[in-house]
Amino acid sequence: MAQPDPPFRRTIKKPQLHQMVPLADSTIWEMERRGEFPKRFLLTPRCVVWDLAEVEAWLERRRNQPIRRAPPPDVRRRISRPVRRSDRSEGHLPPAH
């Protein structure tokens, strides 16, 4: 008796992935590296694809699990345009004209 054919696995390229998951390339790459997103694979030496079923399953998991919001950045620690501590609250500045 012949074995049934395995189910057809559809793959998607980057443009289709971006239609489904509107994240930056660098974000997707970082998430793949950390194991938080389905890994891409080479279909040919120049063609990178993702398994559509894996991406859809990832989206469903994301939809069903609560995502903790990232804390706001500490603007006092930025390198460009740092925000300095306000001395007005301590009364050290002369009154504004």
PDB file of N, CA and C in Angstrom:
ATOM      1  N   MET A   1       0.835  -1.173   0.000  1.00  0.00           N
ATOM      2  CA  MET A   1       0.000   0.000   0.000  1.00  0.00           C
ATOM      3  C   MET A   1       0.886   1.245   0.000  1.00  0.00           C
ATOM      4  N   ALA A   2       0.571   2.207  -0.828  1.00  0.00           N
ATOM      5  CA  ALA A   2       1.383   3.417  -0.973  1.00  0.00           C
ATOM      6  C   ALA A   2       1.138   4.370   0.190  1.00  0.00           C
ATOM      7  N   GLN A   3       2.217   4.995   0.615  1.00  0.00           N
ATOM      8  CA  GLN A   3       2.126   5.992   1.683  1.00  0.00           C
ATOM      9  C   GLN A   3       1.523   7.281   1.115  1.00  0.00           C
ATOM     10  N   PRO A   4       0.657   7.958   1.872  1.00  0.00           N
ATOM     11  CA  PRO A   4       0.141   9.241   1.381  1.00  0.00           C
ATOM     12  C   PRO A   4       1.257  10.276   1.352  1.00  0.00           C
ATOM     13  N   ASP A   5       1.139  11.193   0.412  1.00  0.00           N
ATOM     14  CA  ASP A   5       2.134  12.263   0.309  1.00  0.00           C
ATOM     15  C   ASP A   5       2.084  13.138   1.559  1.00  0.00           C
ATOM     16  N   PRO A   6       3.250  13.586   2.025  1.00  0.00           N
ATOM     17  CA  PRO A   6       3.241  14.496   3.177  1.00  0.00           C
ATOM     18  C   PRO A   6       2.534  15.792   2.789  1.00  0.00           C
ATOM     19  N   PRO A   7       1.987  16.505   3.759  1.00  0.00           N
ATOM     20  CA  PRO A   7       1.295  17.752   3.418  1.00  0.00           C
ATOM     21  C   PRO A   7       2.255  18.744   2.775  1.00  0.00           C
ATOM     22  N   PHE A   8       1.736  19.485   1.834  1.00  0.00           N
ATOM     23  CA  PHE A   8       2.520  20.490   1.123  1.00  0.00           C
ATOM     24  C   PHE A   8       2.831  21.638   2.068  1.00  0.00           C
ATOM     25  N   ARG A   9       4.093  22.001   2.183  1.00  0.00           N
ATOM     26  CA  ARG A   9       4.526  23.102   3.055  1.00  0.00           C
ATOM     27  C   ARG A   9       4.816  24.313   2.181  1.00  0.00           C
ATOM     28  N   ARG A  10       4.040  25.341   2.350  1.00  0.00           N
ATOM     29  CA  ARG A  10       4.224  26.546   1.561  1.00  0.00           C
ATOM     30  C   ARG A  10       5.277  27.436   2.209  1.00  0.00           C
ATOM     31  N   THR A  11       6.082  28.067   1.394  1.00  0.00           N
ATOM     32  CA  THR A  11       7.099  28.997   1.879  1.00  0.00           C
ATOM     33  C   THR A  11       6.777  30.398   1.375  1.00  0.00           C
ATOM     34  N   ILE A  12       7.303  31.389   2.096  1.00  0.00           N
ATOM     35  CA  ILE A  12       7.114  32.780   1.681  1.00  0.00           C
ATOM     36  C   ILE A  12       8.463  33.490   1.670  1.00  0.00           C
ATOM     37  N   LYS A  13       8.565  34.474   0.778  1.00  0.00           N
ATOM     38  CA  LYS A  13       9.771  35.285   0.701  1.00  0.00           C
ATOM     39  C   LYS A  13       9.582  36.547   1.541  1.00  0.00           C
ATOM     40  N   LYS A  14      10.632  37.344   1.616  1.00  0.00           N
ATOM     41  CA  LYS A  14      10.632  38.522   2.489  1.00  0.00           C
ATOM     42  C   LYS A  14       9.472  39.494   2.222  1.00  0.00           C
ATOM     43  N   PRO A  15       9.124  39.825   0.966  1.00  0.00           N
ATOM     44  CA  PRO A  15       7.993  40.758   0.773  1.00  0.00           C
ATOM     45  C   PRO A  15       6.683  40.240   1.377  1.00  0.00           C
ATOM     46  N   GLN A  16       6.412  38.942   1.221  1.00  0.00           N
ATOM     47  CA  GLN A  16       5.193  38.370   1.804  1.00  0.00           C
ATOM     48  C   GLN A  16       5.285  38.343   3.329  1.00  0.00           C
ATOM     49  N   LEU A  17       6.482  38.066   3.852  1.00  0.00           N
ATOM     50  CA  LEU A  17       6.669  38.066   5.301  1.00  0.00           C
ATOM     51  C   LEU A  17       6.367  39.450   5.872  1.00  0.00           C
ATOM     52  N   HIS A  18       6.857  40.498   5.203  1.00  0.00           N
ATOM     53  CA  HIS A  18       6.641  41.861   5.690  1.00  0.00           C
ATOM     54  C   HIS A  18       5.171  42.277   5.602  1.00  0.00           C
ATOM     55  N   GLN A  19       4.418  41.698   4.684  1.00  0.00           N
ATOM     56  CA  GLN A  19       2.979  41.974   4.640  1.00  0.00           C
ATOM     57  C   GLN A  19       2.288  41.372   5.860  1.00  0.00           C
ATOM     58  N   MET A  20       2.778  40.245   6.323  1.00  0.00           N
ATOM     59  CA  MET A  20       2.180  39.561   7.472  1.00  0.00           C
ATOM     60  C   MET A  20       2.707  40.096   8.797  1.00  0.00           C
ATOM     61  N   VAL A  21       4.008  40.395   8.839  1.00  0.00           N
ATOM     62  CA  VAL A  21       4.683  40.803  10.075  1.00  0.00           C
ATOM     63  C   VAL A  21       5.408  42.118   9.797  1.00  0.00           C
ATOM     64  N   PRO A  22       4.792  43.249  10.124  1.00  0.00           N
ATOM     65  CA  PRO A  22       5.402  44.543   9.793  1.00  0.00           C
ATOM     66  C   PRO A  22       6.487  44.970  10.779  1.00  0.00           C
ATOM     67  N   LEU A  23       7.534  44.173  10.866  1.00  0.00           N
ATOM     68  CA  LEU A  23       8.677  44.501  11.713  1.00  0.00           C
ATOM     69  C   LEU A  23       9.877  44.785  10.822  1.00  0.00           C
ATOM     70  N   ALA A  24      10.833  45.521  11.341  1.00  0.00           N
ATOM     71  CA  ALA A  24      12.058  45.822  10.598  1.00  0.00           C
ATOM     72  C   ALA A  24      12.871  44.549  10.391  1.00  0.00           C
ATOM     73  N   ASP A  25      13.646  44.521   9.319  1.00  0.00           N
ATOM     74  CA  ASP A  25      14.515  43.368   9.044  1.00  0.00           C
ATOM     75  C   ASP A  25      15.413  43.063  10.236  1.00  0.00           C
ATOM     76  N   SER A  26      15.969  44.116  10.835  1.00  0.00           N
ATOM     77  CA  SER A  26      16.884  43.904  11.961  1.00  0.00           C
ATOM     78  C   SER A  26      16.154  43.302  13.163  1.00  0.00           C
ATOM     79  N   THR A  27      14.907  43.688  13.386  1.00  0.00           N
ATOM     80  CA  THR A  27      14.126  43.133  14.495  1.00  0.00           C
ATOM     81  C   THR A  27      13.840  41.660  14.255  1.00  0.00           C
ATOM     82  N   ILE A  28      13.444  41.328  13.030  1.00  0.00           N
ATOM     83  CA  ILE A  28      13.175  39.924  12.690  1.00  0.00           C
ATOM     84  C   ILE A  28      14.446  39.106  12.854  1.00  0.00           C
ATOM     85  N   TRP A  29      15.573  39.631  12.367  1.00  0.00           N
ATOM     86  CA  TRP A  29      16.834  38.900  12.465  1.00  0.00           C
ATOM     87  C   TRP A  29      17.205  38.656  13.926  1.00  0.00           C
ATOM     88  N   GLU A  30      17.084  39.696  14.757  1.00  0.00           N
ATOM     89  CA  GLU A  30      17.410  39.544  16.186  1.00  0.00           C
ATOM     90  C   GLU A  30      16.493  38.527  16.853  1.00  0.00           C
ATOM     91  N   MET A  31      15.201  38.571  16.528  1.00  0.00           N
ATOM     92  CA  MET A  31      14.256  37.623  17.122  1.00  0.00           C
ATOM     93  C   MET A  31      14.560  36.196  16.667  1.00  0.00           C
ATOM     94  N   GLU A  32      14.947  36.025  15.406  1.00  0.00           N
ATOM     95  CA  GLU A  32      15.355  34.697  14.915  1.00  0.00           C
ATOM     96  C   GLU A  32      16.570  34.207  15.698  1.00  0.00           C
ATOM     97  N   ARG A  33      17.537  35.087  15.870  1.00  0.00           N
ATOM     98  CA  ARG A  33      18.774  34.730  16.562  1.00  0.00           C
ATOM     99  C   ARG A  33      18.504  34.292  17.998  1.00  0.00           C
ATOM    100  N   ARG A  34      17.539  34.949  18.664  1.00  0.00           N
ATOM    101  CA  ARG A  34      17.184  34.596  20.037  1.00  0.00           C
ATOM    102  C   ARG A  34      16.210  33.421  20.112  1.00  0.00           C
ATOM    103  N   GLY A  35      15.758  32.909  18.972  1.00  0.00           N
ATOM    104  CA  GLY A  35      14.815  31.797  18.966  1.00  0.00           C
ATOM    105  C   GLY A  35      13.379  32.219  19.220  1.00  0.00           C
ATOM    106  N   GLU A  36      13.062  33.491  19.019  1.00  0.00           N
ATOM    107  CA  GLU A  36      11.725  34.022  19.266  1.00  0.00           C
ATOM    108  C   GLU A  36      10.889  34.146  17.999  1.00  0.00           C
ATOM    109  N   PHE A  37      11.447  33.802  16.849  1.00  0.00           N
ATOM    110  CA  PHE A  37      10.750  33.922  15.567  1.00  0.00           C
ATOM    111  C   PHE A  37      11.179  32.750  14.693  1.00  0.00           C
ATOM    112  N   PRO A  38      10.300  32.261  13.803  1.00  0.00           N
ATOM    113  CA  PRO A  38      10.691  31.150  12.920  1.00  0.00           C
ATOM    114  C   PRO A  38      11.948  31.486  12.115  1.00  0.00           C
ATOM    115  N   LYS A  39      12.818  30.522  11.998  1.00  0.00           N
ATOM    116  CA  LYS A  39      14.080  30.739  11.285  1.00  0.00           C
ATOM    117  C   LYS A  39      13.880  30.647   9.776  1.00  0.00           C
ATOM    118  N   ARG A  40      14.558  31.523   9.083  1.00  0.00           N
ATOM    119  CA  ARG A  40      14.590  31.482   7.619  1.00  0.00           C
ATOM    120  C   ARG A  40      15.475  30.335   7.172  1.00  0.00           C
ATOM    121  N   PHE A  41      15.332  29.933   5.925  1.00  0.00           N
ATOM    122  CA  PHE A  41      16.239  28.933   5.376  1.00  0.00           C
ATOM    123  C   PHE A  41      16.433  29.203   3.893  1.00  0.00           C
ATOM    124  N   LEU A  42      17.537  28.679   3.376  1.00  0.00           N
ATOM    125  CA  LEU A  42      17.864  28.873   1.966  1.00  0.00           C
ATOM    126  C   LEU A  42      17.140  27.832   1.125  1.00  0.00           C
ATOM    127  N   LEU A  43      16.353  28.319   0.173  1.00  0.00           N
ATOM    128  CA  LEU A  43      15.713  27.432  -0.787  1.00  0.00           C
ATOM    129  C   LEU A  43      16.692  27.144  -1.918  1.00  0.00           C
ATOM    130  N   THR A  44      17.423  28.162  -2.314  1.00  0.00           N
ATOM    131  CA  THR A  44      18.525  28.062  -3.269  1.00  0.00           C
ATOM    132  C   THR A  44      19.636  28.946  -2.702  1.00  0.00           C
ATOM    133  N   PRO A  45      20.816  28.958  -3.326  1.00  0.00           N
ATOM    134  CA  PRO A  45      21.885  29.813  -2.792  1.00  0.00           C
ATOM    135  C   PRO A  45      21.523  31.300  -2.700  1.00  0.00           C
ATOM    136  N   ARG A  46      20.537  31.753  -3.475  1.00  0.00           N
ATOM    137  CA  ARG A  46      20.181  33.171  -3.461  1.00  0.00           C
ATOM    138  C   ARG A  46      18.733  33.439  -3.056  1.00  0.00           C
ATOM    139  N   CYS A  47      18.035  32.439  -2.571  1.00  0.00           N
ATOM    140  CA  CYS A  47      16.618  32.605  -2.241  1.00  0.00           C
ATOM    141  C   CYS A  47      16.359  32.192  -0.795  1.00  0.00           C
ATOM    142  N   VAL A  48      16.043  33.186   0.047  1.00  0.00           N
ATOM    143  CA  VAL A  48      15.761  32.950   1.461  1.00  0.00           C
ATOM    144  C   VAL A  48      14.247  32.946   1.646  1.00  0.00           C
ATOM    145  N   VAL A  49      13.741  31.950   2.392  1.00  0.00           N
ATOM    146  CA  VAL A  49      12.301  31.833   2.622  1.00  0.00           C
ATOM    147  C   VAL A  49      12.010  31.460   4.069  1.00  0.00           C
ATOM    148  N   TRP A  50      10.748  31.631   4.458  1.00  0.00           N
ATOM    149  CA  TRP A  50      10.248  31.204   5.764  1.00  0.00           C
ATOM    150  C   TRP A  50       9.110  30.227   5.520  1.00  0.00           C
ATOM    151  N   ASP A  51       8.915  29.301   6.434  1.00  0.00           N
ATOM    152  CA  ASP A  51       7.804  28.357   6.361  1.00  0.00           C
ATOM    153  C   ASP A  51       6.533  29.105   6.766  1.00  0.00           C
ATOM    154  N   LEU A  52       5.555  29.158   5.871  1.00  0.00           N
ATOM    155  CA  LEU A  52       4.331  29.914   6.126  1.00  0.00           C
ATOM    156  C   LEU A  52       3.598  29.401   7.360  1.00  0.00           C
ATOM    157  N   ALA A  53       3.507  28.089   7.529  1.00  0.00           N
ATOM    158  CA  ALA A  53       2.797  27.526   8.686  1.00  0.00           C
ATOM    159  C   ALA A  53       3.471  27.941   9.994  1.00  0.00           C
ATOM    160  N   GLU A  54       4.805  27.987  10.016  1.00  0.00           N
ATOM    161  CA  GLU A  54       5.520  28.410  11.226  1.00  0.00           C
ATOM    162  C   GLU A  54       5.257  29.883  11.538  1.00  0.00           C
ATOM    163  N   VAL A  55       5.235  30.724  10.504  1.00  0.00           N
ATOM    164  CA  VAL A  55       4.979  32.157  10.707  1.00  0.00           C
ATOM    165  C   VAL A  55       3.546  32.363  11.195  1.00  0.00           C
ATOM    166  N   GLU A  56       2.589  31.653  10.598  1.00  0.00           N
ATOM    167  CA  GLU A  56       1.193  31.777  11.031  1.00  0.00           C
ATOM    168  C   GLU A  56       1.023  31.297  12.469  1.00  0.00           C
ATOM    169  N   ALA A  57       1.696  30.205  12.832  1.00  0.00           N
ATOM    170  CA  ALA A  57       1.626  29.702  14.212  1.00  0.00           C
ATOM    171  C   ALA A  57       2.239  30.715  15.178  1.00  0.00           C
ATOM    172  N   TRP A  58       3.351  31.348  14.782  1.00  0.00           N
ATOM    173  CA  TRP A  58       3.975  32.374  15.617  1.00  0.00           C
ATOM    174  C   TRP A  58       3.013  33.542  15.833  1.00  0.00           C
ATOM    175  N   LEU A  59       2.347  33.991  14.750  1.00  0.00           N
ATOM    176  CA  LEU A  59       1.387  35.088  14.868  1.00  0.00           C
ATOM    177  C   LEU A  59       0.241  34.719  15.813  1.00  0.00           C
ATOM    178  N   GLU A  60      -0.246  33.503  15.712  1.00  0.00           N
ATOM    179  CA  GLU A  60      -1.340  33.060  16.583  1.00  0.00           C
ATOM    180  C   GLU A  60      -0.898  33.040  18.047  1.00  0.00           C
ATOM    181  N   ARG A  61       0.323  32.554  18.294  1.00  0.00           N
ATOM    182  CA  ARG A  61       0.841  32.559  19.672  1.00  0.00           C
ATOM    183  C   ARG A  61       0.972  33.982  20.198  1.00  0.00           C
ATOM    184  N   ARG A  62       1.464  34.888  19.365  1.00  0.00           N
ATOM    185  CA  ARG A  62       1.622  36.285  19.789  1.00  0.00           C
ATOM    186  C   ARG A  62       0.269  36.917  20.085  1.00  0.00           C
ATOM    187  N   ARG A  63      -0.710  36.566  19.282  1.00  0.00           N
ATOM    188  CA  ARG A  63      -2.050  37.121  19.471  1.00  0.00           C
ATOM    189  C   ARG A  63      -2.653  36.656  20.794  1.00  0.00           C
ATOM    190  N   ASN A  64      -2.348  35.433  21.202  1.00  0.00           N
ATOM    191  CA  ASN A  64      -2.974  34.839  22.379  1.00  0.00           C
ATOM    192  C   ASN A  64      -2.198  35.011  23.676  1.00  0.00           C
ATOM    193  N   GLN A  65      -0.988  35.512  23.622  1.00  0.00           N
ATOM    194  CA  GLN A  65      -0.223  35.688  24.858  1.00  0.00           C
ATOM    195  C   GLN A  65      -0.034  37.172  25.137  1.00  0.00           C
ATOM    196  N   PRO A  66      -0.120  37.546  26.399  1.00  0.00           N
ATOM    197  CA  PRO A  66       0.092  38.964  26.716  1.00  0.00           C
ATOM    198  C   PRO A  66       1.559  39.343  26.501  1.00  0.00           C
ATOM    199  N   ILE A  67       1.769  40.494  25.949  1.00  0.00           N
ATOM    200  CA  ILE A  67       3.121  41.006  25.708  1.00  0.00           C
ATOM    201  C   ILE A  67       3.356  42.139  26.703  1.00  0.00           C
ATOM    202  N   ARG A  68       4.420  42.015  27.476  1.00  0.00           N
ATOM    203  CA  ARG A  68       4.785  43.070  28.422  1.00  0.00           C
ATOM    204  C   ARG A  68       5.341  44.268  27.668  1.00  0.00           C
ATOM    205  N   ARG A  69       4.838  45.431  27.960  1.00  0.00           N
ATOM    206  CA  ARG A  69       5.347  46.639  27.312  1.00  0.00           C
ATOM    207  C   ARG A  69       6.751  46.943  27.817  1.00  0.00           C
ATOM    208  N   ALA A  70       7.562  47.460  26.923  1.00  0.00           N
ATOM    209  CA  ALA A  70       8.921  47.846  27.303  1.00  0.00           C
ATOM    210  C   ALA A  70       8.855  49.109  28.153  1.00  0.00           C
ATOM    211  N   PRO A  71       9.749  49.238  29.131  1.00  0.00           N
ATOM    212  CA  PRO A  71       9.754  50.461  29.934  1.00  0.00           C
ATOM    213  C   PRO A  71      10.209  51.639  29.078  1.00  0.00           C
ATOM    214  N   PRO A  72       9.768  52.845  29.408  1.00  0.00           N
ATOM    215  CA  PRO A  72      10.216  53.997  28.625  1.00  0.00           C
ATOM    216  C   PRO A  72      11.716  54.198  28.812  1.00  0.00           C
ATOM    217  N   PRO A  73      12.387  54.749  27.800  1.00  0.00           N
ATOM    218  CA  PRO A  73      13.831  54.949  27.919  1.00  0.00           C
ATOM    219  C   PRO A  73      14.159  56.019  28.957  1.00  0.00           C
ATOM    220  N   ASP A  74      15.309  55.885  29.571  1.00  0.00           N
ATOM    221  CA  ASP A  74      15.792  56.888  30.520  1.00  0.00           C
ATOM    222  C   ASP A  74      16.515  57.955  29.700  1.00  0.00           C
ATOM    223  N   VAL A  75      15.841  59.064  29.436  1.00  0.00           N
ATOM    224  CA  VAL A  75      16.402  60.093  28.564  1.00  0.00           C
ATOM    225  C   VAL A  75      17.627  60.760  29.159  1.00  0.00           C
ATOM    226  N   ARG A  76      17.832  60.620  30.456  1.00  0.00           N
ATOM    227  CA  ARG A  76      19.025  61.208  31.080  1.00  0.00           C
ATOM    228  C   ARG A  76      20.289  60.450  30.697  1.00  0.00           C
ATOM    229  N   ARG A  77      20.140  59.235  30.176  1.00  0.00           N
ATOM    230  CA  ARG A  77      21.313  58.429  29.839  1.00  0.00           C
ATOM    231  C   ARG A  77      21.673  58.477  28.362  1.00  0.00           C
ATOM    232  N   ARG A  78      20.887  59.209  27.546  1.00  0.00           N
ATOM    233  CA  ARG A  78      21.215  59.239  26.132  1.00  0.00           C
ATOM    234  C   ARG A  78      22.493  60.031  25.884  1.00  0.00           C
ATOM    235  N   ILE A  79      23.175  59.682  24.819  1.00  0.00           N
ATOM    236  CA  ILE A  79      24.442  60.329  24.478  1.00  0.00           C
ATOM    237  C   ILE A  79      24.184  61.625  23.721  1.00  0.00           C
ATOM    238  N   SER A  80      23.296  61.578  22.735  1.00  0.00           N
ATOM    239  CA  SER A  80      22.980  62.806  22.014  1.00  0.00           C
ATOM    240  C   SER A  80      21.776  63.465  22.669  1.00  0.00           C
ATOM    241  N   ARG A  81      21.861  64.748  22.868  1.00  0.00           N
ATOM    242  CA  ARG A  81      20.815  65.551  23.491  1.00  0.00           C
ATOM    243  C   ARG A  81      20.367  65.002  24.846  1.00  0.00           C
ATOM    244  N   PRO A  82      21.286  64.807  25.765  1.00  0.00           N
ATOM    245  CA  PRO A  82      20.870  64.318  27.086  1.00  0.00           C
ATOM    246  C   PRO A  82      20.018  65.365  27.803  1.00  0.00           C
ATOM    247  N   VAL A  83      19.145  64.898  28.633  1.00  0.00           N
ATOM    248  CA  VAL A  83      18.299  65.789  29.428  1.00  0.00           C
ATOM    249  C   VAL A  83      18.957  65.933  30.784  1.00  0.00           C
ATOM    250  N   ARG A  84      19.219  67.175  31.156  1.00  0.00           N
ATOM    251  CA  ARG A  84      19.869  67.420  32.444  1.00  0.00           C
ATOM    252  C   ARG A  84      18.830  67.515  33.539  1.00  0.00           C
ATOM    253  N   ARG A  85      19.292  67.254  34.728  1.00  0.00           N
ATOM    254  CA  ARG A  85      18.427  67.347  35.901  1.00  0.00           C
ATOM    255  C   ARG A  85      18.007  68.799  36.076  1.00  0.00           C
ATOM    256  N   SER A  86      16.766  68.998  36.357  1.00  0.00           N
ATOM    257  CA  SER A  86      16.241  70.345  36.552  1.00  0.00           C
ATOM    258  C   SER A  86      16.565  70.820  37.964  1.00  0.00           C
ATOM    259  N   ASP A  87      17.201  71.998  38.058  1.00  0.00           N
ATOM    260  CA  ASP A  87      17.514  72.577  39.363  1.00  0.00           C
ATOM    261  C   ASP A  87      16.417  73.528  39.823  1.00  0.00           C
ATOM    262  N   ARG A  88      15.431  73.772  38.993  1.00  0.00           N
ATOM    263  CA  ARG A  88      14.348  74.689  39.369  1.00  0.00           C
ATOM    264  C   ARG A  88      13.609  74.188  40.594  1.00  0.00           C
ATOM    265  N   SER A  89      13.462  72.884  40.691  1.00  0.00           N
ATOM    266  CA  SER A  89      12.717  72.350  41.833  1.00  0.00           C
ATOM    267  C   SER A  89      13.468  72.588  43.137  1.00  0.00           C
ATOM    268  N   GLU A  90      14.784  72.772  43.052  1.00  0.00           N
ATOM    269  CA  GLU A  90      15.574  72.995  44.258  1.00  0.00           C
ATOM    270  C   GLU A  90      15.784  74.479  44.536  1.00  0.00           C
ATOM    271  N   GLY A  91      15.307  75.359  43.655  1.00  0.00           N
ATOM    272  CA  GLY A  91      15.402  76.792  43.884  1.00  0.00           C
ATOM    273  C   GLY A  91      16.776  77.378  43.639  1.00  0.00           C
ATOM    274  N   HIS A  92      17.650  76.746  42.837  1.00  0.00           N
ATOM    275  CA  HIS A  92      18.996  77.249  42.596  1.00  0.00           C
ATOM    276  C   HIS A  92      19.071  78.203  41.413  1.00  0.00           C
ATOM    277  N   LEU A  93      18.072  78.233  40.558  1.00  0.00           N
ATOM    278  CA  LEU A  93      18.116  79.096  39.387  1.00  0.00           C
ATOM    279  C   LEU A  93      17.487  80.445  39.708  1.00  0.00           C
ATOM    280  N   PRO A  94      18.030  81.499  39.101  1.00  0.00           N
ATOM    281  CA  PRO A  94      17.390  82.807  39.288  1.00  0.00           C
ATOM    282  C   PRO A  94      16.028  82.804  38.599  1.00  0.00           C
ATOM    283  N   PRO A  95      15.128  83.665  39.018  1.00  0.00           N
ATOM    284  CA  PRO A  95      13.809  83.708  38.385  1.00  0.00           C
ATOM    285  C   PRO A  95      13.929  84.095  36.919  1.00  0.00           C
ATOM    286  N   ALA A  96      13.053  83.547  36.097  1.00  0.00           N
ATOM    287  CA  ALA A  96      13.048  83.851  34.661  1.00  0.00           C
ATOM    288  C   ALA A  96      12.559  85.273  34.444  1.00  0.00           C
ATOM    289  N   HIS A  97      13.101  85.958  33.413  1.00  0.00           N
ATOM    290  CA  HIS A  97      12.695  87.343  33.131  1.00  0.00           C
ATOM    291  C   HIS A  97      11.419  87.369  32.371  1.00  0.00           C
TER     292      HIS A  97
END
